Amino acid sequence: MALERVMLSRERLADAVGDRWSDSELSEALELLTRADGRFPAGVRTLPADLVKAVQRERLLAAMISVATELGYRSLTVQNVLTRAGISRPTFYEQFEDKEDCFLAAFDAAAGRMRARIEAAVLDSGPTWRDRLRDSIAELLRFIVDEPEDARIVIVEARASSPSGLRRRDELLDDFAGCIDALVRADLDEPPSAIAAAGVVGGIESVLYARLQRDEGGDLGALLPSLMYFAVLSYAGREAAAEEIDDAALA
């Protein structure tokens, strides 16, 4: 199948490479990529070599995320990634050892973007653990709708990747469970075992995995009351959990 060349947005590039380079250098990099159909033209470049290398890496990660979403991790090849990125094989192997190494880096990048949005939502949330939990789940659902390829890499493709990919996924779920356990313990006098948070995260992840597998990721916001019912039930009982459904019905 034909694979369209991946293009980096200025926002994604700036987030990825940080503040190591000036706005003018980033603008020049994007202009070169735009003029040459998403790849750096051959010949002399005025950009710093480290910036070129960083941009090449981000193009490969974006290509891996895009191709894995379309073809699945098991079916994709390094050549698929090279074609999507418009990058040579030697350049790929300057950055990554193999397909798995590139996928793991892409997973880490996508998971980092997911985590950053959820953490920001919690910081801007209300005073109670239920406020913070509700806003974090809502932001997760928005992330999946806004960034479907990133979400699919994290939630779906990591399961079918490799033992290392599965470990990365498990570590991410454990991290989310730890965050939920911490925010609940900050408010509840007698919180349940930390296993409760692992159960909440695992249940939510299973629901989202099933939805994405069926390509039903477009209207995930409607799941929020049910997911909150499930989460609150684990900590505050049926009556408190039912308030999440009732409040949603009245909204």
Protein backbone atom coordinates (compact mmCIF):
# COMPACT_ATOMS: atom_id res chain seq x y z
CA MET A 1 0.00 0.00 0.00
CA ALA A 2 1.11 3.58 -0.65
CA LEU A 3 2.35 5.38 2.44
CA GLU A 4 1.96 9.15 2.59
CA ARG A 5 5.03 11.06 3.78
CA VAL A 6 4.79 12.14 7.41
CA MET A 7 4.96 15.88 8.10
CA LEU A 8 5.95 17.41 11.44
CA SER A 9 4.01 20.35 12.83
CA ARG A 10 5.92 23.23 14.36
CA GLU A 11 4.34 22.52 17.74
CA ARG A 12 5.32 18.85 17.71
CA LEU A 13 8.86 19.66 16.60
CA ALA A 14 9.30 22.41 19.19
CA ASP A 15 7.99 20.14 21.97
CA ALA A 16 10.30 17.34 20.88
CA VAL A 17 13.59 19.19 20.51
CA GLY A 18 13.05 21.60 23.39
CA ASP A 19 14.68 25.02 23.64
CA ARG A 20 18.11 24.05 22.41
CA TRP A 21 17.64 25.92 19.14
CA SER A 22 16.27 29.30 18.13
CA ASP A 23 12.91 29.96 16.53
CA SER A 24 14.65 30.93 13.30
CA GLU A 25 16.50 27.59 13.15
CA LEU A 26 13.29 25.64 13.77
CA SER A 27 11.53 27.72 11.13
CA GLU A 28 14.31 27.02 8.63
CA ALA A 29 14.14 23.30 9.35
CA LEU A 30 10.38 23.22 8.79
CA GLU A 31 10.69 25.32 5.62
CA LEU A 32 13.26 22.91 4.19
CA LEU A 33 11.03 19.95 5.01
CA THR A 34 7.96 21.60 3.51
CA ARG A 35 9.72 22.51 0.28
CA ALA A 36 11.10 18.99 -0.15
CA ASP A 37 7.95 16.94 0.59
CA GLY A 38 8.78 16.21 4.21
CA ARG A 39 12.45 15.32 3.87
CA PHE A 40 15.68 17.29 4.08
CA PRO A 41 17.08 18.04 0.60
CA ALA A 42 20.50 16.71 -0.27
CA GLY A 43 23.46 19.07 -0.29
CA VAL A 44 24.88 21.72 1.98
CA ARG A 45 22.70 22.77 4.92
CA THR A 46 23.03 25.79 7.16
CA LEU A 47 21.31 24.08 10.09
CA PRO A 48 23.36 22.78 13.04
CA ALA A 49 24.15 19.08 12.64
CA ASP A 50 22.64 18.25 16.03
CA LEU A 51 19.37 19.93 15.06
CA VAL A 52 19.23 17.96 11.82
CA LYS A 53 19.82 14.74 13.76
CA ALA A 54 17.10 15.63 16.29
CA VAL A 55 14.62 16.42 13.53
CA GLN A 56 15.46 13.18 11.73
CA ARG A 57 14.79 11.27 14.93
CA GLU A 58 11.40 12.93 15.38
CA ARG A 59 10.49 12.18 11.77
CA LEU A 60 11.32 8.52 12.32
CA LEU A 61 9.28 8.39 15.52
CA ALA A 62 6.32 10.08 13.84
CA ALA A 63 6.63 7.65 10.93
CA MET A 64 6.76 4.66 13.27
CA ILE A 65 3.62 5.83 15.09
CA SER A 66 1.80 6.43 11.81
CA VAL A 67 2.80 3.14 10.17
CA ALA A 68 2.18 1.05 13.30
CA THR A 69 -1.30 2.54 13.49
CA GLU A 70 -2.03 1.59 9.88
CA LEU A 71 -0.25 -1.74 9.53
CA GLY A 72 0.18 -2.97 13.10
CA TYR A 73 3.52 -3.56 14.80
CA ARG A 74 3.79 -7.18 13.72
CA SER A 75 3.26 -6.39 10.02
CA LEU A 76 5.35 -3.25 9.61
CA THR A 77 8.96 -3.26 8.45
CA VAL A 78 11.82 -0.82 8.78
CA GLN A 79 11.36 -0.06 5.09
CA ASN A 80 7.77 1.04 5.76
CA VAL A 81 9.08 3.51 8.33
CA LEU A 82 11.79 4.76 5.97
CA THR A 83 9.29 5.31 3.18
CA ARG A 84 6.88 7.18 5.44
CA ALA A 85 9.67 9.34 6.88
CA GLY A 86 11.59 9.90 3.66
CA ILE A 87 14.81 8.91 5.41
CA SER A 88 17.60 6.61 4.28
CA ARG A 89 18.37 3.27 5.91
CA PRO A 90 21.84 4.37 7.12
CA THR A 91 20.27 7.38 8.85
CA PHE A 92 17.74 5.11 10.57
CA TYR A 93 20.49 2.88 11.95
CA GLU A 94 22.39 5.92 13.20
CA GLN A 95 19.41 6.54 15.48
CA PHE A 96 18.02 3.09 16.31
CA GLU A 97 19.26 -0.46 16.54
CA ASP A 98 16.25 -2.03 14.87
CA LYS A 99 12.46 -1.88 14.44
CA GLU A 100 11.81 -2.68 18.10
CA ASP A 101 14.18 0.03 19.35
CA CYS A 102 12.39 2.62 17.20
CA PHE A 103 8.97 1.41 18.36
CA LEU A 104 9.94 1.61 22.03
CA ALA A 105 11.18 5.18 21.54
CA ALA A 106 7.92 6.04 19.75
CA PHE A 107 5.93 4.47 22.60
CA ASP A 108 7.87 6.51 25.17
CA ALA A 109 7.25 9.72 23.21
CA ALA A 110 3.52 9.07 22.83
CA ALA A 111 3.15 7.99 26.47
CA GLY A 112 5.01 11.12 27.55
CA ARG A 113 2.58 13.34 25.68
CA MET A 114 -0.35 11.45 27.21
CA ARG A 115 1.09 11.72 30.72
CA ALA A 116 1.84 15.45 30.33
CA ARG A 117 -1.74 16.27 29.40
CA ILE A 118 -3.19 14.25 32.26
CA GLU A 119 -0.80 15.80 34.79
CA ALA A 120 -1.72 19.30 33.57
CA ALA A 121 -5.42 18.49 33.94
CA VAL A 122 -4.91 17.31 37.52
CA LEU A 123 -3.03 20.51 38.42
CA ASP A 124 -5.95 22.61 37.14
CA SER A 125 -8.58 20.42 38.80
CA GLY A 126 -10.84 20.91 41.79
CA PRO A 127 -10.00 20.28 45.45
CA THR A 128 -11.27 16.73 45.99
CA TRP A 129 -9.88 13.39 44.90
CA ARG A 130 -13.02 12.80 42.85
CA ASP A 131 -12.54 16.11 41.03
CA ARG A 132 -8.95 15.24 40.21
CA LEU A 133 -9.77 11.69 39.18
CA ARG A 134 -12.68 12.83 37.00
CA ASP A 135 -10.58 15.48 35.26
CA SER A 136 -7.70 13.07 34.67
CA ILE A 137 -9.99 10.47 33.07
CA ALA A 138 -11.72 13.16 31.01
CA GLU A 139 -8.36 14.40 29.76
CA LEU A 140 -7.31 10.86 28.87
CA LEU A 141 -10.46 10.48 26.78
CA ARG A 142 -9.81 13.84 25.08
CA PHE A 143 -6.23 12.82 24.36
CA ILE A 144 -7.42 9.67 22.59
CA VAL A 145 -9.79 11.71 20.42
CA ASP A 146 -7.22 14.45 19.71
CA GLU A 147 -4.22 12.15 19.19
CA PRO A 148 -5.64 8.83 17.95
CA GLU A 149 -2.34 7.52 16.58
CA ASP A 150 -0.44 8.22 19.80
CA ALA A 151 -3.25 6.63 21.78
CA ARG A 152 -3.33 3.51 19.62
CA ILE A 153 0.43 3.01 19.99
CA VAL A 154 0.14 3.17 23.78
CA ILE A 155 -3.12 1.27 24.30
CA VAL A 156 -3.28 -1.20 21.41
CA GLU A 157 0.00 -1.77 19.59
CA ALA A 158 2.15 -2.11 22.70
CA ARG A 159 0.18 -5.25 23.58
CA ALA A 160 1.13 -6.85 20.26
CA SER A 161 4.71 -5.65 20.09
CA SER A 162 7.45 -7.45 22.05
CA PRO A 163 8.30 -8.43 25.64
CA SER A 164 10.03 -5.07 26.03
CA GLY A 165 6.97 -3.28 24.66
CA LEU A 166 4.73 -5.11 27.10
CA ARG A 167 7.02 -4.12 29.97
CA ARG A 168 6.85 -0.48 28.88
CA ARG A 169 3.04 -0.73 28.84
CA ASP A 170 2.96 -2.37 32.29
CA GLU A 171 5.26 0.29 33.69
CA LEU A 172 3.00 3.04 32.35
CA LEU A 173 -0.10 1.42 33.86
CA ASP A 174 1.73 0.99 37.18
CA ASP A 175 2.69 4.67 37.08
CA PHE A 176 -0.92 5.75 36.52
CA ALA A 177 -2.07 3.42 39.31
CA GLY A 178 0.49 4.95 41.66
CA CYS A 179 -0.74 8.44 40.82
CA ILE A 180 -4.38 7.48 41.50
CA ASP A 181 -3.45 5.80 44.77
CA ALA A 182 -1.55 8.90 45.88
CA LEU A 183 -4.34 11.36 45.11
CA VAL A 184 -6.93 9.17 46.83
CA ARG A 185 -4.77 8.67 49.95
CA ALA A 186 -4.36 12.42 50.21
CA ASP A 187 -8.11 12.78 50.88
CA LEU A 188 -9.47 9.52 52.33
CA ASP A 189 -8.89 8.66 55.98
CA GLU A 190 -9.04 4.90 55.35
CA PRO A 191 -8.20 4.23 51.69
CA PRO A 192 -8.22 0.64 50.45
CA SER A 193 -5.16 -1.30 49.37
CA ALA A 194 -3.06 0.08 46.52
CA ILE A 195 -4.32 -2.88 44.51
CA ALA A 196 -7.59 -0.96 44.12
CA ALA A 197 -5.86 1.65 41.99
CA ALA A 198 -4.31 -1.07 39.82
CA GLY A 199 -7.78 -2.53 39.33
CA VAL A 200 -9.21 0.85 38.34
CA VAL A 201 -6.45 1.50 35.81
CA GLY A 202 -6.65 -2.02 34.40
CA GLY A 203 -10.41 -1.82 34.01
CA ILE A 204 -10.31 1.54 32.25
CA GLU A 205 -7.49 0.40 29.97
CA SER A 206 -9.43 -2.73 29.01
CA VAL A 207 -12.50 -0.71 28.06
CA LEU A 208 -10.44 1.70 25.96
CA TYR A 209 -8.53 -1.13 24.30
CA ALA A 210 -11.79 -2.78 23.23
CA ARG A 211 -13.15 0.50 21.87
CA LEU A 212 -10.02 1.25 19.86
CA GLN A 213 -9.88 -2.30 18.52
CA ARG A 214 -13.39 -1.75 17.14
CA ASP A 215 -12.42 1.70 15.78
CA GLU A 216 -14.91 3.34 18.15
CA GLY A 217 -12.67 6.12 19.42
CA GLY A 218 -14.68 9.08 18.17
CA ASP A 219 -17.18 9.56 21.03
CA LEU A 220 -15.28 8.48 24.10
CA GLY A 221 -16.45 11.41 26.22
CA ALA A 222 -19.75 9.60 26.78
CA LEU A 223 -17.83 6.94 28.73
CA LEU A 224 -16.77 9.32 31.49
CA PRO A 225 -19.74 8.79 33.88
CA SER A 226 -19.50 5.00 33.62
CA LEU A 227 -15.73 5.00 34.10
CA MET A 228 -16.08 7.30 37.11
CA TYR A 229 -18.81 5.06 38.54
CA PHE A 230 -16.40 2.13 38.30
CA ALA A 231 -13.53 4.10 39.84
CA VAL A 232 -15.50 5.70 42.69
CA LEU A 233 -17.17 2.39 43.53
CA SER A 234 -13.76 1.00 44.45
CA TYR A 235 -13.14 3.76 46.99
CA ALA A 236 -16.42 5.22 48.24
CA GLY A 237 -19.13 2.65 47.63
CA ARG A 238 -22.22 2.32 45.46
CA GLU A 239 -24.08 5.41 46.67
CA ALA A 240 -21.18 7.76 45.95
CA ALA A 241 -20.49 6.06 42.61
CA ALA A 242 -24.13 6.48 41.56
CA GLU A 243 -23.76 10.25 42.01
CA GLU A 244 -21.41 10.25 39.00
CA ILE A 245 -24.14 8.78 36.80
CA ASP A 246 -26.85 11.02 38.28
CA ASP A 247 -24.78 14.19 37.91
CA ALA A 248 -24.03 13.35 34.29
CA ALA A 249 -27.72 12.78 33.56
CA LEU A 250 -28.59 16.20 35.01
CA ALA A 251 -25.79 18.03 33.17
